[in-house]
Protein backbone atom coordinates (compact mmCIF):
# COMPACT_ATOMS: atom_id res chain seq x y z
CA LEU A 1 114.93 256.29 154.42
CA SER A 2 113.74 252.86 153.37
CA ILE A 3 115.66 250.63 151.00
CA GLY A 4 113.09 247.87 150.73
CA SER A 5 112.87 244.41 152.18
CA GLU A 6 115.79 242.16 153.00
CA ALA A 7 114.89 239.95 150.00
CA GLN A 8 114.96 242.97 147.69
CA GLY A 9 118.34 243.98 149.11
CA ARG A 10 119.75 240.49 148.52
CA LYS A 11 118.38 240.46 144.96
CA ARG A 12 119.92 243.88 144.27
CA THR A 13 123.29 242.75 145.69
CA GLU A 14 123.28 239.56 143.62
CA GLY A 15 122.51 241.58 140.48
CA LEU A 16 125.37 243.98 141.16
CA LEU A 17 127.77 241.10 141.73
CA ARG A 18 126.74 239.42 138.46
CA ALA A 19 127.14 242.70 136.57
CA GLY A 20 130.53 243.31 138.17
CA ILE A 21 131.78 239.85 137.25
CA ALA A 22 130.38 240.01 133.71
CA GLY A 23 131.99 243.39 133.08
CA ALA A 24 135.23 242.67 134.89
CA VAL A 25 138.26 244.43 133.47
CA LYS A 26 141.82 243.49 134.26
CA LEU A 27 143.78 246.37 135.73
CA HIS A 28 147.50 246.85 135.36
CA TYR A 29 149.19 247.24 138.73
CA VAL A 30 152.59 247.62 140.31
CA GLU A 31 153.34 245.31 143.22
CA VAL A 32 156.11 245.50 145.79
CA LYS A 33 156.34 242.20 147.59
CA SER A 34 157.71 241.88 151.08
CA ASP A 35 159.83 239.07 152.45
CA LYS A 36 157.11 237.82 154.80
CA PRO A 37 153.64 239.06 153.72
CA GLU A 38 151.69 236.26 155.43
CA GLY A 39 149.15 237.57 157.91
CA ALA A 40 149.77 241.26 157.30
CA CYS A 41 147.17 243.31 155.42
CA PRO A 42 148.50 244.73 152.15
CA VAL A 43 148.95 248.45 151.56
CA LEU A 44 146.91 249.86 148.67
CA ILE A 45 148.10 253.12 147.12
CA LEU A 46 145.70 254.94 144.77
CA HIS A 47 146.94 257.63 142.42
CA GLY A 48 145.23 260.94 141.77
CA LEU A 49 143.23 262.16 138.80
CA LEU A 50 146.09 262.59 136.33
CA GLY A 51 148.51 260.10 137.85
CA SER A 52 149.50 256.52 137.22
CA SER A 53 150.96 253.66 139.23
CA ARG A 54 154.46 254.59 137.98
CA ASN A 55 154.30 257.83 139.98
CA PHE A 56 154.58 255.80 143.18
CA ALA A 57 157.17 253.18 142.19
CA SER A 58 160.13 254.68 144.09
CA PHE A 59 157.92 255.83 146.99
CA SER A 60 156.47 252.33 147.45
CA LYS A 61 159.94 250.74 147.54
CA ALA A 62 161.09 253.25 150.16
CA LEU A 63 157.89 252.71 152.14
CA SER A 64 158.37 248.95 152.03
CA ALA A 65 161.85 249.33 153.55
CA GLU A 66 160.50 251.54 156.37
CA LEU A 67 157.47 249.49 157.46
CA GLN A 68 157.78 247.83 160.87
CA ILE A 69 155.64 244.92 159.68
CA PRO A 70 156.53 243.69 156.17
CA ARG A 71 153.55 244.14 153.85
CA ARG A 72 152.75 243.65 150.20
CA ILE A 73 152.16 247.01 148.48
CA VAL A 74 149.79 247.19 145.51
CA ILE A 75 149.35 250.24 143.26
CA PRO A 76 146.63 249.74 140.60
CA ASP A 77 146.40 251.86 137.46
CA LEU A 78 142.83 253.13 137.70
CA ARG A 79 140.77 253.41 134.55
CA ASN A 80 139.00 256.45 133.17
CA HIS A 81 140.77 258.90 135.40
């Protein structure tokens, strides 16, 4: 499988980035902040086909309390699901 030259790959990537930025859509999200999130990777929770971020509100708060390392938890509301 050949995807073309390195220059073509760079050009394709730059085009995708421009298109992504031009068509950027703000997503609603629920965020559970921790006391000390610095340095720890956040936890991202994605809902299923017919769900929404609200489905995980109580779960994310309970998860935040149980984590050994405090982390920020982000639950986006995905579009067109």
